[in-house]
Amino acid sequence: MIANWTDLIGNRHLEQWFGNSIRQQRFGGSFLLVGPPGVGKRSVATLLARTLLCSRNPPEAMHPCGTCEACVQVDAETHPDLIRIRKPKDKTVIPVDLLIGRPEVRMQEGFCRDVRLSPYCGRRKVAILEDADFLNEEGANCLLKTLEEPPSDAVILLVGTSEQKQLPTIRSRCQVIRFAPLNAEEATRLIRDVQQIPADPAEISHAVEIAGGDVPAALRLLSDDSRRFRDALIGALANPFPDPIAIRRIVTTRVDEAGKEAPKKRAVLRDVFSMAIGHYRKTMREEAFASAPRPITLARLDRSVRALRELERMANVSTLVDCFAADIAAGQTGDRGEIGS
């Protein structure tokens, strides 16, 4: 958890921007916070809520105390002037009931109704809608009036991963706040100091490198379960004569463990290909130090990079795994025209 603005890792410009807006008394309305997963959008939304609702230090100070009743309630999500909703884990979209209430009590409960109530204890209400990527058209339509004409004492924060994933009607009614990706040093520091993952610094740096700076992916790679899987996968890839059946079995088992949801399966497969890329890059460095990288190592690295691109183009998961395993075993780049293109 980010305790204060001075603890913010990456996107340091946000402190000055929010601070100036608050001090000039022009901070209000509806905002859309967008950026890659793991860059701190939810943490900044919570920090903003703490800044605006702290009962000890004024918002203009940009220094919530963190110990008053209001700050403690914000962190516990029990503050009466904080509204926070997110997509339930068992749903594929944000249910309309969370926005405008159940059918029998429409507009008598829910996010939109709560935003319009007067503050209970302070001068502001803060409403945070996480997982804005999962608003369907019906849900977005429920929000339009609230976003377009928010109460003067309310701040509405929508959190998503990109502008492109938001419906045009949502984007046009919000001020967009963009979060840049974290660099490798920032991602490593976030995992080590904020997430406080009990891992060796070198292992954290390696996970960040494999994940390409993607913090959630790096965190997955650092789990005990992922370590065991990585050992099995790298063992298969490092075999002088890789067995395509073994590679396919290892990868397919891991993908199946992710469940039935396609996004989760693809996230796991992204980790797999990232691990393969990291392995072959490391192998190439070792070979270059000894003499020169072998062409077959370069071909396998190229095939792993190609697999990642094919995944992003929504290639069929089963076909992608089969072709990847076969090409790695044969030392081929898979240059037959990319799957999913």
Protein backbone atom coordinates (compact mmCIF):
# COMPACT_ATOMS: atom_id res chain seq x y z
CA MET A 1 0.00 0.00 0.00
CA ILE A 2 1.22 3.50 -0.84
CA ALA A 3 1.03 5.48 2.40
CA ASN A 4 1.67 8.92 0.95
CA TRP A 5 2.48 10.80 -2.23
CA THR A 6 6.20 10.72 -1.48
CA ASP A 7 5.99 6.91 -1.66
CA LEU A 8 4.62 6.94 -5.21
CA ILE A 9 6.84 4.89 -7.52
CA GLY A 10 6.77 6.07 -11.13
CA ASN A 11 4.41 8.67 -12.60
CA ARG A 12 5.74 11.26 -10.17
CA HIS A 13 4.10 14.07 -12.16
CA LEU A 14 0.71 13.04 -10.80
CA GLU A 15 1.43 14.44 -7.34
CA GLN A 16 2.05 17.91 -8.75
CA TRP A 17 -0.92 17.74 -11.12
CA PHE A 18 -3.41 16.63 -8.47
CA GLY A 19 -1.89 18.99 -5.90
CA ASN A 20 -2.20 22.03 -8.17
CA SER A 21 -5.79 21.13 -9.08
CA ILE A 22 -6.79 20.74 -5.43
CA ARG A 23 -5.05 23.93 -4.30
CA GLN A 24 -6.61 25.92 -7.13
CA GLN A 25 -10.01 24.50 -6.14
CA ARG A 26 -10.68 23.10 -9.59
CA PHE A 27 -10.47 19.44 -8.69
CA GLY A 28 -13.80 17.73 -9.15
CA GLY A 29 -15.97 15.93 -11.65
CA SER A 30 -15.29 12.64 -13.38
CA PHE A 31 -11.86 11.17 -14.11
CA LEU A 32 -10.71 8.12 -16.03
CA LEU A 33 -7.42 6.68 -14.75
CA VAL A 34 -5.84 4.49 -17.43
CA GLY A 35 -2.54 2.66 -17.75
CA PRO A 36 -1.01 -0.83 -17.85
CA PRO A 37 -1.80 -3.28 -15.04
CA GLY A 38 0.31 -2.86 -11.92
CA VAL A 39 1.39 0.78 -12.35
CA GLY A 40 -0.54 1.95 -9.28
CA LYS A 41 -3.86 3.27 -10.57
CA ARG A 42 -5.90 1.72 -7.74
CA SER A 43 -3.33 2.82 -5.18
CA VAL A 44 -3.45 6.40 -6.47
CA ALA A 45 -7.26 6.34 -6.37
CA THR A 46 -7.10 5.23 -2.72
CA LEU A 47 -4.43 7.83 -1.96
CA LEU A 48 -6.61 10.54 -3.51
CA ALA A 49 -9.54 9.43 -1.38
CA ARG A 50 -7.36 9.56 1.73
CA THR A 51 -6.05 13.01 0.72
CA LEU A 52 -9.55 14.42 0.21
CA LEU A 53 -11.16 12.80 3.27
CA CYS A 54 -8.39 13.00 5.90
CA SER A 55 -9.82 14.70 9.00
CA ARG A 56 -6.45 15.90 10.31
CA ASN A 57 -4.65 17.45 7.31
CA PRO A 58 -6.39 19.59 4.65
CA PRO A 59 -6.45 18.29 1.05
CA GLU A 60 -4.23 21.20 -0.06
CA ALA A 61 -1.38 19.80 2.05
CA MET A 62 -1.31 16.63 -0.10
CA HIS A 63 -0.26 14.75 3.04
CA PRO A 64 -2.98 12.50 4.50
CA CYS A 65 -1.98 11.53 8.03
CA GLY A 66 -2.85 7.86 7.61
CA THR A 67 -3.80 7.48 11.29
CA CYS A 68 -7.00 9.48 11.79
CA GLU A 69 -10.33 7.68 11.77
CA ALA A 70 -11.09 8.88 8.24
CA CYS A 71 -7.80 7.58 6.79
CA VAL A 72 -8.19 4.24 8.55
CA GLN A 73 -11.76 3.93 7.23
CA VAL A 74 -10.66 4.74 3.67
CA ASP A 75 -8.06 1.97 3.80
CA ALA A 76 -10.66 -0.44 5.20
CA GLU A 77 -13.22 0.73 2.59
CA THR A 78 -15.69 1.58 5.37
CA HIS A 79 -15.66 5.39 5.17
CA PRO A 80 -19.25 6.63 4.72
CA ASP A 81 -18.16 9.17 2.08
CA LEU A 82 -16.20 6.63 0.03
CA ILE A 83 -18.06 4.57 -2.55
CA ARG A 84 -16.09 1.78 -4.18
CA ILE A 85 -17.26 -0.95 -6.52
CA ARG A 86 -15.43 -3.51 -8.66
CA LYS A 87 -16.35 -6.43 -10.90
CA PRO A 88 -17.29 -9.49 -8.84
CA LYS A 89 -14.93 -12.40 -9.47
CA ASP A 90 -17.77 -14.61 -10.68
CA LYS A 91 -18.98 -12.10 -13.29
CA THR A 92 -17.68 -11.18 -16.73
CA VAL A 93 -18.99 -7.59 -16.59
CA ILE A 94 -19.88 -5.08 -13.88
CA PRO A 95 -23.51 -5.90 -13.01
CA VAL A 96 -26.10 -3.17 -13.52
CA ASP A 97 -27.37 -3.89 -10.01
CA LEU A 98 -24.14 -2.45 -8.56
CA LEU A 99 -24.70 0.76 -10.51
CA ILE A 100 -28.42 1.47 -10.13
CA GLY A 101 -29.66 -1.12 -7.64
CA ARG A 102 -31.62 -4.34 -7.86
CA PRO A 103 -34.74 -4.38 -10.09
CA GLU A 104 -37.14 -4.01 -7.16
CA VAL A 105 -35.28 -0.96 -5.78
CA ARG A 106 -33.91 0.69 -8.93
CA MET A 107 -32.17 4.03 -8.21
CA GLN A 108 -32.80 3.58 -4.49
CA GLU A 109 -29.39 1.97 -4.04
CA GLY A 110 -26.21 1.48 -6.01
CA PHE A 111 -23.23 3.54 -7.16
CA CYS A 112 -25.16 6.26 -9.02
CA ARG A 113 -27.58 6.88 -6.17
CA ASP A 114 -24.85 6.90 -3.48
CA VAL A 115 -22.78 9.47 -5.40
CA ARG A 116 -25.67 11.92 -5.29
CA LEU A 117 -26.14 11.75 -1.52
CA SER A 118 -24.66 14.60 0.51
CA PRO A 119 -21.40 13.87 2.35
CA TYR A 120 -21.92 12.34 5.78
CA CYS A 121 -18.83 13.62 7.59
CA GLY A 122 -16.72 15.84 5.39
CA ARG A 123 -16.94 18.19 2.47
CA ARG A 124 -16.56 15.60 -0.28
CA LYS A 125 -17.70 12.24 -1.53
CA VAL A 126 -15.24 10.08 -3.43
CA ALA A 127 -16.57 7.38 -5.75
CA ILE A 128 -14.17 4.81 -7.23
CA LEU A 129 -15.27 2.40 -9.96
CA GLU A 130 -12.57 -0.20 -10.55
CA ASP A 131 -12.45 -2.52 -13.55
CA ALA A 132 -13.97 0.06 -15.90
CA ASP A 133 -12.80 -2.16 -18.78
CA PHE A 134 -15.68 -4.46 -17.85
CA LEU A 135 -18.50 -1.96 -18.30
CA ASN A 136 -20.81 -3.18 -21.05
CA GLU A 137 -23.08 -0.84 -22.99
CA GLU A 138 -25.97 -1.25 -20.55
CA GLY A 139 -23.76 -0.47 -17.58
CA ALA A 140 -22.16 2.50 -19.33
CA ASN A 141 -25.58 3.94 -20.15
CA CYS A 142 -26.50 3.78 -16.46
CA LEU A 143 -23.47 5.93 -15.66
CA LEU A 144 -23.78 8.60 -18.33
CA LYS A 145 -25.85 11.17 -16.45
CA THR A 146 -23.82 10.71 -13.26
CA LEU A 147 -20.54 11.21 -15.12
CA GLU A 148 -21.80 14.16 -17.13
CA GLU A 149 -23.38 16.00 -14.21
CA PRO A 150 -21.66 14.84 -11.01
CA PRO A 151 -22.59 16.64 -7.77
CA SER A 152 -20.30 19.58 -7.05
CA ASP A 153 -19.06 17.91 -3.85
CA ALA A 154 -18.24 14.57 -5.51
CA VAL A 155 -15.16 13.20 -7.25
CA ILE A 156 -15.69 10.16 -9.48
CA LEU A 157 -12.69 8.00 -10.41
CA LEU A 158 -12.96 5.26 -13.03
CA VAL A 159 -10.00 2.88 -13.26
CA GLY A 160 -9.14 1.02 -16.47
CA THR A 161 -6.20 -0.24 -18.50
CA SER A 162 -6.65 1.82 -21.67
CA GLU A 163 -8.84 4.43 -23.29
CA GLN A 164 -9.54 2.06 -26.17
CA LYS A 165 -11.29 -0.38 -23.83
CA GLN A 166 -13.76 2.28 -22.70
CA LEU A 167 -16.90 3.08 -24.64
CA PRO A 168 -16.79 6.48 -26.40
CA THR A 169 -19.69 7.68 -24.27
CA ILE A 170 -17.60 7.07 -21.13
CA ARG A 171 -14.39 8.60 -22.49
CA SER A 172 -16.11 11.77 -23.62
CA ARG A 173 -17.53 12.45 -20.15
CA CYS A 174 -14.30 12.00 -18.17
CA GLN A 175 -11.00 13.77 -17.90
CA VAL A 176 -8.41 11.15 -18.80
CA ILE A 177 -5.40 10.71 -16.49
CA ARG A 178 -2.75 8.56 -18.16
CA PHE A 179 -0.29 6.40 -16.22
CA ALA A 180 2.95 5.51 -17.98
CA PRO A 181 4.44 2.01 -17.69
CA LEU A 182 7.03 1.53 -14.96
CA ASN A 183 10.62 1.02 -15.99
CA ALA A 184 12.50 -2.05 -14.77
CA GLU A 185 14.01 -0.28 -11.75
CA GLU A 186 10.64 1.15 -10.68
CA ALA A 187 8.86 -2.19 -11.12
CA THR A 188 11.54 -3.96 -9.09
CA ARG A 189 11.31 -1.36 -6.32
CA LEU A 190 7.50 -1.60 -6.27
CA ILE A 191 7.60 -5.38 -5.84
CA ARG A 192 10.36 -5.25 -3.24
CA ASP A 193 9.29 -2.25 -1.14
CA VAL A 194 5.52 -1.94 -1.61
CA GLN A 195 4.40 -5.51 -2.30
CA GLN A 196 7.15 -6.74 0.07
CA ILE A 197 7.57 -10.04 -1.74
CA PRO A 198 10.02 -12.28 0.17
CA ALA A 199 12.40 -13.00 -2.68
CA ASP A 200 16.03 -12.40 -3.47
CA PRO A 201 16.61 -9.00 -5.21
CA ALA A 202 18.24 -10.74 -8.16
CA GLU A 203 15.22 -13.05 -8.51
CA ILE A 204 12.84 -10.06 -8.45
CA SER A 205 14.90 -8.28 -11.11
CA HIS A 206 14.92 -11.44 -13.24
CA ALA A 207 11.14 -11.83 -12.92
CA VAL A 208 10.63 -8.18 -13.92
CA GLU A 209 12.93 -8.69 -16.92
CA ILE A 210 11.04 -11.80 -18.04
CA ALA A 211 7.70 -10.01 -17.57
CA GLY A 212 8.88 -6.98 -19.53
CA GLY A 213 8.12 -4.65 -16.62
CA ASP A 214 4.56 -5.97 -16.20
CA VAL A 215 4.19 -5.98 -12.39
CA PRO A 216 1.24 -8.44 -12.11
CA ALA A 217 3.05 -10.84 -14.44
CA ALA A 218 6.26 -10.52 -12.41
CA LEU A 219 4.32 -11.20 -9.20
CA ARG A 220 2.84 -14.34 -10.75
CA LEU A 221 6.33 -15.47 -11.73
CA LEU A 222 7.54 -15.03 -8.15
CA SER A 223 4.91 -17.29 -6.58
CA ASP A 224 6.03 -20.68 -5.29
CA ASP A 225 3.76 -22.40 -7.79
CA SER A 226 5.26 -20.42 -10.67
CA ARG A 227 8.78 -21.20 -9.51
CA ARG A 228 8.05 -24.93 -9.72
CA PHE A 229 6.48 -24.52 -13.14
CA ARG A 230 9.36 -22.34 -14.37
CA ASP A 231 11.87 -24.96 -13.26
CA ALA A 232 9.97 -27.64 -15.20
CA LEU A 233 9.58 -25.49 -18.33
CA ILE A 234 13.17 -24.25 -18.39
CA GLY A 235 14.36 -27.80 -17.79
CA ALA A 236 12.45 -28.94 -20.88
CA LEU A 237 13.63 -25.99 -23.00
CA ALA A 238 17.26 -26.40 -21.91
CA ASN A 239 17.36 -30.06 -22.97
CA PRO A 240 19.85 -30.43 -25.87
CA PHE A 241 17.08 -32.26 -27.75
CA PRO A 242 13.79 -30.77 -26.45
CA ASP A 243 10.84 -33.17 -26.45
CA PRO A 244 7.82 -31.46 -28.09
CA ILE A 245 5.40 -33.77 -26.28
CA ALA A 246 6.93 -32.91 -22.90
CA ILE A 247 6.87 -29.18 -23.66
CA ARG A 248 3.26 -29.38 -24.79
CA ARG A 249 2.24 -31.36 -21.68
CA ILE A 250 3.96 -28.92 -19.30
CA VAL A 251 2.44 -25.86 -20.97
CA THR A 252 -1.05 -27.31 -21.49
CA THR A 253 -1.28 -28.45 -17.86
CA ARG A 254 -0.35 -24.96 -16.69
CA VAL A 255 -2.87 -23.29 -19.02
CA ASP A 256 -5.66 -25.66 -17.94
CA GLU A 257 -4.97 -24.83 -14.28
CA ALA A 258 -5.90 -21.20 -15.03
CA GLY A 259 -9.57 -22.17 -15.35
CA LYS A 260 -12.09 -21.72 -18.12
CA GLU A 261 -11.86 -17.96 -18.65
CA ALA A 262 -9.98 -17.15 -21.86
CA PRO A 263 -8.27 -13.99 -20.49
CA LYS A 264 -6.75 -16.01 -17.61
CA LYS A 265 -5.55 -18.72 -19.98
CA ARG A 266 -3.93 -16.12 -22.21
CA ALA A 267 -2.29 -14.41 -19.24
CA VAL A 268 -0.70 -17.72 -18.23
CA LEU A 269 0.43 -18.38 -21.80
CA ARG A 270 1.92 -14.89 -21.93
CA ASP A 271 3.97 -15.81 -18.86
CA VAL A 272 5.08 -19.05 -20.55
CA PHE A 273 6.36 -17.29 -23.66
CA SER A 274 7.97 -14.56 -21.56
CA MET A 275 9.81 -17.24 -19.57
CA ALA A 276 10.98 -18.83 -22.82
CA ILE A 277 12.21 -15.47 -24.14
CA GLY A 278 14.07 -14.83 -20.88
CA HIS A 279 15.64 -18.29 -20.99
CA TYR A 280 16.90 -18.00 -24.57
CA ARG A 281 18.21 -14.47 -24.04
CA LYS A 282 20.18 -15.71 -21.03
CA THR A 283 21.44 -18.68 -23.06
CA MET A 284 22.56 -16.38 -25.87
CA ARG A 285 24.50 -14.20 -23.44
CA GLU A 286 26.24 -17.26 -22.01
CA GLU A 287 27.07 -18.58 -25.50
CA ALA A 288 28.35 -15.17 -26.61
CA PHE A 289 30.63 -15.03 -23.60
CA ALA A 290 32.01 -18.50 -24.36
CA SER A 291 32.39 -18.07 -28.13
CA ALA A 292 29.36 -17.07 -30.20
CA PRO A 293 25.58 -17.60 -29.95
CA ARG A 294 24.42 -20.72 -31.76
CA PRO A 295 21.98 -20.18 -34.67
CA ILE A 296 19.56 -22.68 -33.13
CA THR A 297 19.37 -20.60 -29.92
CA LEU A 298 18.60 -17.49 -31.96
CA ALA A 299 15.92 -19.41 -33.88
CA ARG A 300 14.29 -20.56 -30.65
CA LEU A 301 14.39 -17.03 -29.22
CA ASP A 302 12.79 -15.72 -32.41
CA ARG A 303 10.12 -18.45 -32.17
CA SER A 304 9.30 -17.46 -28.59
CA VAL A 305 8.96 -13.79 -29.54
CA ARG A 306 6.79 -14.78 -32.49
CA ALA A 307 4.56 -16.87 -30.20
CA LEU A 308 4.01 -13.84 -27.97
CA ARG A 309 2.96 -11.77 -30.99
CA GLU A 310 0.64 -14.53 -32.16
CA LEU A 311 -0.96 -14.65 -28.72
CA GLU A 312 -1.61 -10.90 -28.87
CA ARG A 313 -3.31 -11.46 -32.24
CA MET A 314 -5.75 -13.83 -30.52
CA ALA A 315 -4.41 -17.03 -32.08
CA ASN A 316 -6.10 -20.25 -30.98
CA VAL A 317 -4.46 -21.32 -27.72
CA SER A 318 -4.28 -25.05 -28.47
CA THR A 319 -2.88 -24.54 -31.97
CA LEU A 320 -0.40 -21.99 -30.67
CA VAL A 321 0.94 -24.36 -27.99
CA ASP A 322 1.23 -27.25 -30.47
CA CYS A 323 3.16 -25.19 -33.03
CA PHE A 324 5.38 -23.60 -30.39
CA ALA A 325 6.37 -26.97 -28.91
CA ALA A 326 7.07 -28.49 -32.33
CA ASP A 327 9.12 -25.54 -33.56
CA ILE A 328 11.19 -25.27 -30.37
CA ALA A 329 12.03 -28.97 -30.61
CA ALA A 330 12.99 -28.61 -34.27
CA GLY A 331 14.88 -25.37 -33.73
CA GLN A 332 12.68 -23.56 -36.23
CA THR A 333 11.46 -19.97 -36.17
CA GLY A 334 7.93 -20.93 -37.19
CA ASP A 335 8.23 -18.62 -40.18
CA ARG A 336 5.23 -20.05 -41.95
CA GLY A 337 3.11 -16.94 -41.57
CA GLU A 338 2.07 -16.00 -38.07
CA ILE A 339 -0.87 -17.74 -36.44
CA GLY A 340 -3.75 -15.33 -35.98
CA SER A 341 -2.51 -12.89 -38.64
